[in-house]
């Protein structure tokens, strides 16, 4: 994945949510990486200062978005 361009497909509010979503993608055959995981922190009274971004290689973008769309649909 290091030499292929990455595209952000999701922004999580915290590391736990990011890990869960990344696990969902991986279980469906889409490799993902977490960006800004170490920079993400809480600002007192305001919540997360920097969201954790999930990125996939460009060729997996559409598949990842479909998985996320079905996950959000099932969540409701």
N, C-alpha and C. Protein backbone atom coordinates (compact mmCIF):
# COMPACT_ATOMS: atom_id res chain seq x y z
N UNK A 1 0.81 -1.20 0.00
CA UNK A 1 0.00 0.00 0.00
C UNK A 1 0.86 1.26 0.00
N UNK A 2 2.12 1.13 0.39
CA UNK A 2 2.96 2.32 0.55
C UNK A 2 3.17 3.08 -0.76
N UNK A 3 3.26 2.35 -1.87
CA UNK A 3 3.58 3.02 -3.13
C UNK A 3 2.34 3.37 -3.96
N UNK A 4 1.16 3.05 -3.47
CA UNK A 4 -0.07 3.36 -4.20
C UNK A 4 -0.74 4.58 -3.58
N UNK A 5 -1.39 5.40 -4.40
CA UNK A 5 -2.07 6.58 -3.84
C UNK A 5 -3.24 6.17 -2.95
N UNK A 6 -3.38 6.89 -1.85
CA UNK A 6 -4.45 6.61 -0.89
C UNK A 6 -5.55 7.65 -1.01
N UNK A 7 -6.76 7.23 -0.70
CA UNK A 7 -7.89 8.14 -0.67
C UNK A 7 -8.63 7.96 0.65
N UNK A 8 -8.94 9.06 1.29
CA UNK A 8 -9.68 9.03 2.56
C UNK A 8 -11.14 8.73 2.25
N UNK A 9 -11.69 7.73 2.98
CA UNK A 9 -13.09 7.34 2.75
C UNK A 9 -13.96 7.57 3.98
N UNK A 10 -13.33 7.87 5.14
CA UNK A 10 -14.12 8.02 6.36
C UNK A 10 -13.32 8.82 7.38
N UNK A 11 -14.02 9.61 8.19
CA UNK A 11 -13.40 10.31 9.31
C UNK A 11 -14.10 9.87 10.58
N UNK A 12 -13.35 9.26 11.47
CA UNK A 12 -13.89 8.75 12.73
C UNK A 12 -13.68 9.78 13.84
N UNK A 13 -14.56 9.74 14.82
CA UNK A 13 -14.47 10.67 15.94
C UNK A 13 -13.37 10.30 16.94
N UNK A 14 -12.99 9.01 16.95
CA UNK A 14 -11.97 8.57 17.90
C UNK A 14 -11.30 7.30 17.37
N UNK A 15 -10.25 6.88 18.05
CA UNK A 15 -9.49 5.71 17.61
C UNK A 15 -10.32 4.43 17.66
N UNK A 16 -11.18 4.30 18.66
CA UNK A 16 -12.00 3.09 18.78
C UNK A 16 -12.93 2.94 17.57
N UNK A 17 -13.60 4.02 17.20
CA UNK A 17 -14.48 3.98 16.03
C UNK A 17 -13.67 3.68 14.77
N UNK A 18 -12.51 4.30 14.64
CA UNK A 18 -11.66 4.10 13.47
C UNK A 18 -11.22 2.64 13.35
N UNK A 19 -10.82 2.04 14.46
CA UNK A 19 -10.40 0.63 14.46
C UNK A 19 -11.56 -0.27 14.06
N UNK A 20 -12.76 0.02 14.57
CA UNK A 20 -13.93 -0.79 14.25
C UNK A 20 -14.25 -0.72 12.75
N UNK A 21 -14.26 0.49 12.20
CA UNK A 21 -14.57 0.66 10.78
C UNK A 21 -13.48 0.03 9.91
N UNK A 22 -12.23 0.20 10.30
CA UNK A 22 -11.13 -0.41 9.56
C UNK A 22 -11.26 -1.94 9.58
N UNK A 23 -11.64 -2.49 10.72
CA UNK A 23 -11.87 -3.93 10.83
C UNK A 23 -12.99 -4.39 9.91
N UNK A 24 -14.05 -3.60 9.82
CA UNK A 24 -15.17 -3.90 8.92
C UNK A 24 -14.68 -3.96 7.48
N UNK A 25 -13.89 -2.96 7.09
CA UNK A 25 -13.37 -2.94 5.72
C UNK A 25 -12.45 -4.14 5.46
N UNK A 26 -11.55 -4.41 6.40
CA UNK A 26 -10.62 -5.53 6.23
C UNK A 26 -11.35 -6.86 6.14
N UNK A 27 -12.42 -7.03 6.92
CA UNK A 27 -13.18 -8.29 6.88
C UNK A 27 -13.91 -8.46 5.56
N UNK A 28 -14.04 -7.38 4.81
CA UNK A 28 -14.66 -7.43 3.48
C UNK A 28 -13.62 -7.33 2.36
N UNK A 29 -12.36 -7.55 2.70
CA UNK A 29 -11.31 -7.62 1.70
C UNK A 29 -10.71 -6.30 1.26
N UNK A 30 -10.95 -5.23 2.02
CA UNK A 30 -10.41 -3.91 1.67
C UNK A 30 -9.36 -3.52 2.71
N UNK A 31 -8.12 -3.40 2.28
CA UNK A 31 -7.07 -2.96 3.20
C UNK A 31 -7.24 -1.48 3.48
N UNK A 32 -7.01 -1.10 4.73
CA UNK A 32 -7.12 0.32 5.08
C UNK A 32 -6.01 0.71 6.04
N UNK A 33 -5.75 1.99 6.10
CA UNK A 33 -4.78 2.53 7.05
C UNK A 33 -5.44 3.68 7.79
N UNK A 34 -5.00 3.87 9.02
CA UNK A 34 -5.52 4.96 9.84
C UNK A 34 -4.52 6.11 9.79
N UNK A 35 -5.02 7.28 9.47
CA UNK A 35 -4.19 8.48 9.41
C UNK A 35 -4.53 9.37 10.60
N UNK A 36 -3.56 10.02 11.16
CA UNK A 36 -3.74 10.95 12.29
C UNK A 36 -4.16 10.26 13.58
N UNK A 37 -3.95 8.95 13.68
CA UNK A 37 -4.35 8.24 14.90
C UNK A 37 -3.64 8.80 16.12
N UNK A 38 -2.35 9.06 15.99
CA UNK A 38 -1.59 9.57 17.13
C UNK A 38 -1.83 11.05 17.40
N UNK A 39 -2.28 11.77 16.39
CA UNK A 39 -2.55 13.20 16.56
C UNK A 39 -3.94 13.45 17.14
N UNK A 40 -4.80 12.46 17.02
CA UNK A 40 -6.17 12.62 17.50
C UNK A 40 -6.16 12.72 19.02
N UNK A 41 -6.83 13.73 19.52
CA UNK A 41 -6.90 13.93 20.97
C UNK A 41 -8.16 14.73 21.29
N UNK A 42 -8.51 14.72 22.54
CA UNK A 42 -9.69 15.46 22.99
C UNK A 42 -9.26 16.84 23.47
N UNK A 43 -10.08 17.81 23.15
CA UNK A 43 -9.89 19.16 23.67
C UNK A 43 -11.01 19.36 24.68
N UNK A 44 -10.65 19.66 25.91
CA UNK A 44 -11.63 19.78 26.99
C UNK A 44 -12.82 20.64 26.57
N UNK A 45 -14.00 20.06 26.67
CA UNK A 45 -15.22 20.78 26.36
C UNK A 45 -15.60 20.83 24.90
N UNK A 46 -14.71 20.37 24.02
CA UNK A 46 -14.99 20.45 22.59
C UNK A 46 -14.97 19.11 21.87
N UNK A 47 -14.53 18.06 22.53
CA UNK A 47 -14.46 16.76 21.87
C UNK A 47 -13.18 16.60 21.08
N UNK A 48 -13.22 15.73 20.07
CA UNK A 48 -12.00 15.44 19.32
C UNK A 48 -11.50 16.66 18.54
N UNK A 49 -10.23 16.94 18.68
CA UNK A 49 -9.64 18.08 17.97
C UNK A 49 -9.29 17.69 16.53
N UNK A 50 -8.78 16.48 16.36
CA UNK A 50 -8.40 16.00 15.03
C UNK A 50 -9.03 14.62 14.83
N UNK A 51 -9.91 14.48 13.87
CA UNK A 51 -10.52 13.16 13.64
C UNK A 51 -9.50 12.18 13.06
N UNK A 52 -9.74 10.90 13.28
CA UNK A 52 -8.91 9.86 12.70
C UNK A 52 -9.47 9.57 11.31
N UNK A 53 -8.63 9.65 10.30
CA UNK A 53 -9.08 9.42 8.92
C UNK A 53 -8.72 8.00 8.49
N UNK A 54 -9.64 7.35 7.77
CA UNK A 54 -9.40 6.03 7.21
C UNK A 54 -9.16 6.17 5.72
N UNK A 55 -8.07 5.60 5.24
CA UNK A 55 -7.73 5.70 3.82
C UNK A 55 -7.57 4.31 3.23
N UNK A 56 -7.92 4.20 1.96
CA UNK A 56 -7.76 2.96 1.20
C UNK A 56 -7.04 3.31 -0.10
N UNK A 57 -6.52 2.29 -0.78
CA UNK A 57 -5.91 2.57 -2.07
C UNK A 57 -7.02 2.99 -3.04
N UNK A 58 -6.66 3.82 -3.98
CA UNK A 58 -7.65 4.43 -4.88
C UNK A 58 -8.53 3.39 -5.57
N UNK A 59 -7.96 2.27 -5.96
CA UNK A 59 -8.74 1.26 -6.68
C UNK A 59 -9.78 0.57 -5.79
N UNK A 60 -9.64 0.65 -4.47
CA UNK A 60 -10.62 0.06 -3.55
C UNK A 60 -11.64 1.07 -3.03
N UNK A 61 -11.54 2.31 -3.47
CA UNK A 61 -12.39 3.38 -2.94
C UNK A 61 -13.88 3.08 -3.08
N UNK A 62 -14.33 2.71 -4.26
CA UNK A 62 -15.76 2.47 -4.49
C UNK A 62 -16.27 1.31 -3.65
N UNK A 63 -15.50 0.24 -3.56
CA UNK A 63 -15.90 -0.91 -2.74
C UNK A 63 -16.01 -0.50 -1.28
N UNK A 64 -15.03 0.26 -0.80
CA UNK A 64 -15.05 0.73 0.58
C UNK A 64 -16.27 1.59 0.86
N UNK A 65 -16.59 2.50 -0.05
CA UNK A 65 -17.74 3.37 0.14
C UNK A 65 -19.05 2.59 0.16
N UNK A 66 -19.15 1.54 -0.66
CA UNK A 66 -20.35 0.69 -0.66
C UNK A 66 -20.49 -0.04 0.68
N UNK A 67 -19.38 -0.54 1.20
CA UNK A 67 -19.40 -1.23 2.50
C UNK A 67 -19.83 -0.26 3.59
N UNK A 68 -19.26 0.93 3.58
CA UNK A 68 -19.60 1.94 4.59
C UNK A 68 -21.06 2.37 4.46
N UNK A 69 -21.54 2.49 3.25
CA UNK A 69 -22.93 2.87 3.02
C UNK A 69 -23.88 1.81 3.58
N UNK A 70 -23.59 0.54 3.34
CA UNK A 70 -24.46 -0.52 3.86
C UNK A 70 -24.36 -0.60 5.38
N UNK A 71 -23.19 -0.31 5.93
CA UNK A 71 -23.03 -0.30 7.39
C UNK A 71 -23.87 0.80 8.01
N UNK A 72 -23.82 2.00 7.44
CA UNK A 72 -24.61 3.12 7.95
C UNK A 72 -26.10 2.84 7.82
N UNK A 73 -26.51 2.20 6.71
CA UNK A 73 -27.91 1.88 6.48
C UNK A 73 -28.40 0.89 7.53
N UNK A 74 -27.59 -0.13 7.83
CA UNK A 74 -27.97 -1.15 8.82
C UNK A 74 -27.96 -0.60 10.23
N UNK A 75 -27.23 0.48 10.46
CA UNK A 75 -27.11 1.08 11.78
C UNK A 75 -28.41 1.75 12.21
N UNK A 76 -29.20 2.23 11.26
CA UNK A 76 -30.41 3.00 11.55
C UNK A 76 -31.54 2.17 12.03
